Amino acid sequence: MAVPQLTLVPRETIQDKNVKAARKEGNIPAVVYSRGKTTKEVFADEKEIMRLLNEFGSNRKITLNLGGEKTFAIIKEIQKDYMKNQLIHLDLQTLDENVKLTMTMNIHILNRDAVEQGDFVLQIQANEVEIEMFPRHMPESVEVDASLLKDQDNLTLADLNIADDENIEIMDDMETVVATLTYIQEIEEEEEEEVEEVDAADVPTVDETEEEEDEE
């Protein structure tokens, strides 16, 4: 699969240098961090960013195109105004092929329909994993096949599609549970127990009631 590309322009090339005004016109401010180099302040087109995120997600190696100069990078941080559903700022980090990269990636669960039948549902215990590798070995996605639950009690990090890849190190405990198959009635019972515990905590004890009467 081709590496997605994001075009950048130096901030000084935008005539209106007011960041707030530029943002209203669809120019999202960003910074590019490079090991041993000066941080670059740039703008990126909001529509292009959203297309990239919607199609590829944020946990992917991308190509930055700045004035025809292309470098590989990752999106380190996305700042959003969730009330207005607007992008505010991007932090981008270029990649050095000779330096290992540590990052957290989302776990995608495949074939849920194969096991979520009748009164059984998949309960997610962990939805991300921390990995380390050289940039050239960065996976396009981290996945686990839910159909494995037909023969085992739960899914763990050891079941991930990258678990046997010698070029990728999983930093978390391999026995960490990713998901389990649970009977719906068990979930309802757990929720009822939690509600009962909360209600019980709100009821004053005899001592508390007596203290309140004494204060009066």
C-alpha atoms as a PDB file:
ATOM      1  CA  MET A   1       0.000   0.000   0.000  1.00  0.00           C
ATOM      2  CA  ALA A   2       1.307   3.445  -0.931  1.00  0.00           C
ATOM      3  CA  VAL A   3       2.409   5.750   1.872  1.00  0.00           C
ATOM      4  CA  PRO A   4      -0.146   8.584   2.279  1.00  0.00           C
ATOM      5  CA  GLN A   5       1.155  12.085   1.600  1.00  0.00           C
ATOM      6  CA  LEU A   6       0.538  15.440   3.283  1.00  0.00           C
ATOM      7  CA  THR A   7       1.520  18.680   1.570  1.00  0.00           C
ATOM      8  CA  LEU A   8       2.860  21.469   3.757  1.00  0.00           C
ATOM      9  CA  VAL A   9       3.683  25.127   3.140  1.00  0.00           C
ATOM     10  CA  PRO A  10       5.930  27.376   5.285  1.00  0.00           C
ATOM     11  CA  ARG A  11       3.924  29.743   7.456  1.00  0.00           C
ATOM     12  CA  GLU A  12       5.586  32.807   5.958  1.00  0.00           C
ATOM     13  CA  THR A  13       4.111  31.960   2.541  1.00  0.00           C
ATOM     14  CA  ILE A  14       0.577  32.620   3.822  1.00  0.00           C
ATOM     15  CA  GLN A  15       0.031  36.341   3.390  1.00  0.00           C
ATOM     16  CA  ASP A  16      -2.315  36.583   6.341  1.00  0.00           C
ATOM     17  CA  LYS A  17       0.047  35.518   9.177  1.00  0.00           C
ATOM     18  CA  ASN A  18      -2.699  35.663  11.801  1.00  0.00           C
ATOM     19  CA  VAL A  19      -3.023  31.982  12.748  1.00  0.00           C
ATOM     20  CA  LYS A  20      -6.666  32.329  13.779  1.00  0.00           C
ATOM     21  CA  ALA A  21      -7.615  33.934  10.472  1.00  0.00           C
ATOM     22  CA  ALA A  22      -5.584  31.413   8.494  1.00  0.00           C
ATOM     23  CA  ARG A  23      -7.309  28.571  10.319  1.00  0.00           C
ATOM     24  CA  LYS A  24     -10.719  29.935   9.320  1.00  0.00           C
ATOM     25  CA  GLU A  25      -9.580  29.707   5.685  1.00  0.00           C
ATOM     26  CA  GLY A  26      -8.709  26.035   6.095  1.00  0.00           C
ATOM     27  CA  ASN A  27      -4.984  26.417   6.783  1.00  0.00           C
ATOM     28  CA  ILE A  28      -4.165  24.403   9.904  1.00  0.00           C
ATOM     29  CA  PRO A  29      -0.954  25.402  11.732  1.00  0.00           C
ATOM     30  CA  ALA A  30       1.540  22.608  12.365  1.00  0.00           C
ATOM     31  CA  VAL A  31       5.113  22.083  13.494  1.00  0.00           C
ATOM     32  CA  VAL A  32       7.613  19.583  12.112  1.00  0.00           C
ATOM     33  CA  TYR A  33      10.155  18.178  14.552  1.00  0.00           C
ATOM     34  CA  SER A  34      13.351  16.679  13.144  1.00  0.00           C
ATOM     35  CA  ARG A  35      16.174  15.130  15.148  1.00  0.00           C
ATOM     36  CA  GLY A  36      19.083  17.579  15.309  1.00  0.00           C
ATOM     37  CA  LYS A  37      17.295  20.181  13.160  1.00  0.00           C
ATOM     38  CA  THR A  38      15.366  23.376  13.795  1.00  0.00           C
ATOM     39  CA  THR A  39      11.626  22.933  14.247  1.00  0.00           C
ATOM     40  CA  LYS A  40       9.698  24.108  11.196  1.00  0.00           C
ATOM     41  CA  GLU A  41       6.432  26.027  11.458  1.00  0.00           C
ATOM     42  CA  VAL A  42       4.084  25.218   8.601  1.00  0.00           C
ATOM     43  CA  PHE A  43       0.480  25.130   7.434  1.00  0.00           C
ATOM     44  CA  ALA A  44      -1.445  22.133   6.104  1.00  0.00           C
ATOM     45  CA  ASP A  45      -4.741  22.085   4.247  1.00  0.00           C
ATOM     46  CA  GLU A  46      -7.568  21.017   6.567  1.00  0.00           C
ATOM     47  CA  LYS A  47      -9.415  19.031   3.885  1.00  0.00           C
ATOM     48  CA  GLU A  48      -6.249  17.101   3.028  1.00  0.00           C
ATOM     49  CA  ILE A  49      -5.630  16.320   6.705  1.00  0.00           C
ATOM     50  CA  MET A  50      -9.196  15.074   7.207  1.00  0.00           C
ATOM     51  CA  ARG A  51      -9.008  12.926   4.064  1.00  0.00           C
ATOM     52  CA  LEU A  52      -5.765  11.378   5.315  1.00  0.00           C
ATOM     53  CA  LEU A  53      -7.163  10.718   8.806  1.00  0.00           C
ATOM     54  CA  ASN A  54     -10.450   9.284   7.529  1.00  0.00           C
ATOM     55  CA  GLU A  55      -8.747   6.974   5.042  1.00  0.00           C
ATOM     56  CA  PHE A  56      -5.623   5.920   6.924  1.00  0.00           C
ATOM     57  CA  GLY A  57      -6.043   6.957  10.576  1.00  0.00           C
ATOM     58  CA  SER A  58      -3.420   8.732  12.666  1.00  0.00           C
ATOM     59  CA  ASN A  59      -1.144   5.756  13.411  1.00  0.00           C
ATOM     60  CA  ARG A  60       0.535   5.551  10.033  1.00  0.00           C
ATOM     61  CA  LYS A  61       3.806   6.504   8.441  1.00  0.00           C
ATOM     62  CA  ILE A  62       3.158   9.387   6.052  1.00  0.00           C
ATOM     63  CA  THR A  63       5.161  11.384   3.524  1.00  0.00           C
ATOM     64  CA  LEU A  64       5.540  15.117   4.127  1.00  0.00           C
ATOM     65  CA  ASN A  65       5.939  17.224   1.012  1.00  0.00           C
ATOM     66  CA  LEU A  66       7.388  20.623   1.902  1.00  0.00           C
ATOM     67  CA  GLY A  67       8.321  22.621  -1.151  1.00  0.00           C
ATOM     68  CA  GLY A  68       9.099  19.477  -3.126  1.00  0.00           C
ATOM     69  CA  GLU A  69      11.302  18.051  -0.354  1.00  0.00           C
ATOM     70  CA  LYS A  70       9.816  14.775   0.838  1.00  0.00           C
ATOM     71  CA  THR A  71      10.432  13.065   4.168  1.00  0.00           C
ATOM     72  CA  PHE A  72       8.739  10.272   6.109  1.00  0.00           C
ATOM     73  CA  ALA A  73       6.996  11.261   9.329  1.00  0.00           C
ATOM     74  CA  ILE A  74       4.307  10.352  11.841  1.00  0.00           C
ATOM     75  CA  ILE A  75       1.566  12.443  13.411  1.00  0.00           C
ATOM     76  CA  LYS A  76       2.629  12.817  17.057  1.00  0.00           C
ATOM     77  CA  GLU A  77      -0.320  14.870  18.282  1.00  0.00           C
ATOM     78  CA  ILE A  78      -3.609  16.248  16.994  1.00  0.00           C
ATOM     79  CA  GLN A  79      -5.254  19.147  18.786  1.00  0.00           C
ATOM     80  CA  LYS A  80      -8.986  19.548  18.188  1.00  0.00           C
ATOM     81  CA  ASP A  81     -11.803  21.749  19.367  1.00  0.00           C
ATOM     82  CA  TYR A  82     -14.288  18.970  20.070  1.00  0.00           C
ATOM     83  CA  MET A  83     -17.128  21.410  20.725  1.00  0.00           C
ATOM     84  CA  LYS A  84     -16.810  22.816  17.206  1.00  0.00           C
ATOM     85  CA  ASN A  85     -15.380  19.610  15.676  1.00  0.00           C
ATOM     86  CA  GLN A  86     -12.464  21.581  14.238  1.00  0.00           C
ATOM     87  CA  LEU A  87      -8.752  20.891  13.903  1.00  0.00           C
ATOM     88  CA  ILE A  88      -6.548  23.348  15.774  1.00  0.00           C
ATOM     89  CA  HIS A  89      -2.957  22.150  15.432  1.00  0.00           C
ATOM     90  CA  LEU A  90      -0.736  19.239  14.343  1.00  0.00           C
ATOM     91  CA  ASP A  91       2.603  18.023  15.688  1.00  0.00           C
ATOM     92  CA  LEU A  92       4.592  16.067  13.101  1.00  0.00           C
ATOM     93  CA  GLN A  93       7.831  14.150  13.677  1.00  0.00           C
ATOM     94  CA  THR A  94      10.121  13.160  10.838  1.00  0.00           C
ATOM     95  CA  LEU A  95      11.556   9.656  10.915  1.00  0.00           C
ATOM     96  CA  ASP A  96      15.208   8.631  10.963  1.00  0.00           C
ATOM     97  CA  GLU A  97      15.493   5.177   9.390  1.00  0.00           C
ATOM     98  CA  ASN A  98      18.453   4.417  11.676  1.00  0.00           C
ATOM     99  CA  VAL A  99      16.666   5.252  14.934  1.00  0.00           C
ATOM    100  CA  LYS A 100      14.028   3.004  16.493  1.00  0.00           C
ATOM    101  CA  LEU A 101      10.572   4.465  16.944  1.00  0.00           C
ATOM    102  CA  THR A 102       8.304   3.845  19.932  1.00  0.00           C
ATOM    103  CA  MET A 103       4.621   4.524  19.456  1.00  0.00           C
ATOM    104  CA  THR A 104       1.159   3.487  20.559  1.00  0.00           C
ATOM    105  CA  MET A 105      -1.091   1.938  17.920  1.00  0.00           C
ATOM    106  CA  ASN A 106      -4.783   1.109  17.937  1.00  0.00           C
ATOM    107  CA  ILE A 107      -5.826  -2.547  17.878  1.00  0.00           C
ATOM    108  CA  HIS A 108      -8.370  -3.444  15.180  1.00  0.00           C
ATOM    109  CA  ILE A 109     -10.532  -6.496  15.852  1.00  0.00           C
ATOM    110  CA  LEU A 110     -11.484  -8.509  12.792  1.00  0.00           C
ATOM    111  CA  ASN A 111     -14.353 -10.974  12.259  1.00  0.00           C
ATOM    112  CA  ARG A 112     -16.443  -9.948  15.263  1.00  0.00           C
ATOM    113  CA  ASP A 113     -19.552 -11.282  13.515  1.00  0.00           C
ATOM    114  CA  ALA A 114     -18.060 -14.766  13.630  1.00  0.00           C
ATOM    115  CA  VAL A 115     -18.362 -14.899  17.433  1.00  0.00           C
ATOM    116  CA  GLU A 116     -20.953 -12.275  18.404  1.00  0.00           C
ATOM    117  CA  GLN A 117     -23.996 -14.486  18.026  1.00  0.00           C
ATOM    118  CA  GLY A 118     -27.106 -14.914  20.113  1.00  0.00           C
ATOM    119  CA  ASP A 119     -26.522 -13.624  23.648  1.00  0.00           C
ATOM    120  CA  PHE A 120     -22.734 -13.401  23.329  1.00  0.00           C
ATOM    121  CA  VAL A 121     -20.891 -10.114  22.832  1.00  0.00           C
ATOM    122  CA  LEU A 122     -17.249  -9.148  22.622  1.00  0.00           C
ATOM    123  CA  GLN A 123     -15.965  -7.229  25.628  1.00  0.00           C
ATOM    124  CA  ILE A 124     -12.908  -5.101  24.828  1.00  0.00           C
ATOM    125  CA  GLN A 125     -10.263  -4.998  27.558  1.00  0.00           C
ATOM    126  CA  ALA A 126      -7.440  -3.228  25.661  1.00  0.00           C
ATOM    127  CA  ASN A 127      -7.732  -1.207  22.458  1.00  0.00           C
ATOM    128  CA  GLU A 128      -4.112  -0.139  21.929  1.00  0.00           C
ATOM    129  CA  VAL A 129      -0.566  -1.451  22.238  1.00  0.00           C
ATOM    130  CA  GLU A 130       2.871   0.141  22.513  1.00  0.00           C
ATOM    131  CA  ILE A 131       5.441  -1.100  20.009  1.00  0.00           C
ATOM    132  CA  GLU A 132       9.027  -0.335  19.010  1.00  0.00           C
ATOM    133  CA  MET A 133      10.685  -0.837  15.618  1.00  0.00           C
ATOM    134  CA  PHE A 134      12.720   0.885  12.947  1.00  0.00           C
ATOM    135  CA  PRO A 135      10.474   3.114  10.789  1.00  0.00           C
ATOM    136  CA  ARG A 136      10.830   0.815   7.773  1.00  0.00           C
ATOM    137  CA  HIS A 137       9.155  -1.971   9.768  1.00  0.00           C
ATOM    138  CA  MET A 138       6.236   0.101  11.036  1.00  0.00           C
ATOM    139  CA  PRO A 139       3.033  -1.915  10.419  1.00  0.00           C
ATOM    140  CA  GLU A 140       0.144  -0.486   8.430  1.00  0.00           C
ATOM    141  CA  SER A 141      -2.223  -1.710  11.128  1.00  0.00           C
ATOM    142  CA  VAL A 142      -2.333  -3.878  14.253  1.00  0.00           C
ATOM    143  CA  GLU A 143      -5.052  -6.521  14.113  1.00  0.00           C
ATOM    144  CA  VAL A 144      -6.423  -9.529  15.976  1.00  0.00           C
ATOM    145  CA  ASP A 145      -8.843 -12.146  14.650  1.00  0.00           C
ATOM    146  CA  ALA A 146     -11.904 -12.526  16.892  1.00  0.00           C
ATOM    147  CA  SER A 147     -12.690 -15.934  15.386  1.00  0.00           C
ATOM    148  CA  LEU A 148      -9.854 -17.329  17.533  1.00  0.00           C
ATOM    149  CA  LEU A 149     -12.349 -17.186  20.403  1.00  0.00           C
ATOM    150  CA  LYS A 150     -14.036 -20.249  18.979  1.00  0.00           C
ATOM    151  CA  ASP A 151     -11.118 -22.265  20.356  1.00  0.00           C
ATOM    152  CA  GLN A 152      -9.855 -20.161  23.271  1.00  0.00           C
ATOM    153  CA  ASP A 153     -11.233 -18.149  26.208  1.00  0.00           C
ATOM    154  CA  ASN A 154      -9.790 -14.729  25.363  1.00  0.00           C
ATOM    155  CA  LEU A 155      -7.648 -12.725  22.956  1.00  0.00           C
ATOM    156  CA  THR A 156      -4.281 -11.462  24.180  1.00  0.00           C
ATOM    157  CA  LEU A 157      -1.466  -9.395  22.729  1.00  0.00           C
ATOM    158  CA  ALA A 158       0.175 -12.693  21.786  1.00  0.00           C
ATOM    159  CA  ASP A 159      -2.638 -13.135  19.227  1.00  0.00           C
ATOM    160  CA  LEU A 160      -1.879  -9.883  17.366  1.00  0.00           C
ATOM    161  CA  ASN A 161      -0.844 -10.097  13.729  1.00  0.00           C
ATOM    162  CA  ILE A 162       2.517  -8.519  14.657  1.00  0.00           C
ATOM    163  CA  ALA A 163       3.255 -10.836  17.600  1.00  0.00           C
ATOM    164  CA  ASP A 164       5.584 -13.107  15.619  1.00  0.00           C
ATOM    165  CA  ASP A 165       7.274 -10.323  13.663  1.00  0.00           C
ATOM    166  CA  GLU A 166      10.912 -10.283  14.812  1.00  0.00           C
ATOM    167  CA  ASN A 167      11.268  -6.714  13.532  1.00  0.00           C
ATOM    168  CA  ILE A 168       8.606  -5.377  15.894  1.00  0.00           C
ATOM    169  CA  GLU A 169       8.876  -5.443  19.681  1.00  0.00           C
ATOM    170  CA  ILE A 170       5.675  -5.334  21.722  1.00  0.00           C
ATOM    171  CA  MET A 171       6.472  -3.295  24.836  1.00  0.00           C
ATOM    172  CA  ASP A 172       3.446  -4.437  26.872  1.00  0.00           C
ATOM    173  CA  ASP A 173       2.929  -7.790  28.612  1.00  0.00           C
ATOM    174  CA  MET A 174       2.096 -10.366  25.948  1.00  0.00           C
ATOM    175  CA  GLU A 175      -0.506 -11.942  28.249  1.00  0.00           C
ATOM    176  CA  THR A 176      -2.512  -8.703  28.412  1.00  0.00           C
ATOM    177  CA  VAL A 177      -6.131  -9.526  27.523  1.00  0.00           C
ATOM    178  CA  VAL A 178      -7.442  -7.660  24.497  1.00  0.00           C
ATOM    179  CA  ALA A 179     -10.982  -9.039  24.419  1.00  0.00           C
ATOM    180  CA  THR A 180     -13.208 -11.783  25.801  1.00  0.00           C
ATOM    181  CA  LEU A 181     -16.510 -13.288  24.743  1.00  0.00           C
ATOM    182  CA  THR A 182     -19.152 -12.564  27.384  1.00  0.00           C
ATOM    183  CA  TYR A 183     -22.720 -13.658  27.946  1.00  0.00           C
ATOM    184  CA  ILE A 184     -24.999 -10.588  27.905  1.00  0.00           C
ATOM    185  CA  GLN A 185     -26.723 -11.593  31.155  1.00  0.00           C
ATOM    186  CA  GLU A 186     -23.354 -11.495  32.958  1.00  0.00           C
ATOM    187  CA  ILE A 187     -22.813  -7.894  31.816  1.00  0.00           C
ATOM    188  CA  GLU A 188     -26.296  -6.898  33.007  1.00  0.00           C
ATOM    189  CA  GLU A 189     -25.674  -8.522  36.399  1.00  0.00           C
ATOM    190  CA  GLU A 190     -22.358  -6.657  36.761  1.00  0.00           C
ATOM    191  CA  GLU A 191     -24.069  -3.343  35.942  1.00  0.00           C
ATOM    192  CA  GLU A 192     -26.830  -4.051  38.485  1.00  0.00           C
ATOM    193  CA  GLU A 193     -24.224  -4.831  41.180  1.00  0.00           C
ATOM    194  CA  GLU A 194     -22.429  -1.556  40.449  1.00  0.00           C
ATOM    195  CA  VAL A 195     -25.697   0.394  40.770  1.00  0.00           C
ATOM    196  CA  GLU A 196     -26.492  -1.329  44.067  1.00  0.00           C
ATOM    197  CA  GLU A 197     -23.032  -0.501  45.432  1.00  0.00           C
ATOM    198  CA  VAL A 198     -23.469   3.167  44.515  1.00  0.00           C
ATOM    199  CA  ASP A 199     -26.935   3.328  46.084  1.00  0.00           C
ATOM    200  CA  ALA A 200     -25.651   1.699  49.259  1.00  0.00           C
ATOM    201  CA  ALA A 201     -22.850   4.226  49.480  1.00  0.00           C
ATOM    202  CA  ASP A 202     -25.396   7.072  49.369  1.00  0.00           C
ATOM    203  CA  VAL A 203     -27.383   5.760  52.357  1.00  0.00           C
ATOM    204  CA  PRO A 204     -26.168   7.362  55.625  1.00  0.00           C
ATOM    205  CA  THR A 205     -25.136   5.043  58.425  1.00  0.00           C
ATOM    206  CA  VAL A 206     -26.812   5.102  61.868  1.00  0.00           C
ATOM    207  CA  ASP A 207     -23.822   6.973  63.326  1.00  0.00           C
ATOM    208  CA  GLU A 208     -23.976   9.609  60.597  1.00  0.00           C
ATOM    209  CA  THR A 209     -27.721  10.125  61.212  1.00  0.00           C
ATOM    210  CA  GLU A 210     -27.187  10.521  64.948  1.00  0.00           C
ATOM    211  CA  GLU A 211     -24.379  13.032  64.368  1.00  0.00           C
ATOM    212  CA  GLU A 212     -26.630  15.132  62.158  1.00  0.00           C
ATOM    213  CA  GLU A 213     -29.388  15.145  64.815  1.00  0.00           C
ATOM    214  CA  ASP A 214     -26.892  16.149  67.537  1.00  0.00           C
ATOM    215  CA  GLU A 215     -25.673  19.081  65.422  1.00  0.00           C
ATOM    216  CA  GLU A 216     -29.259  20.337  65.140  1.00  0.00           C
END
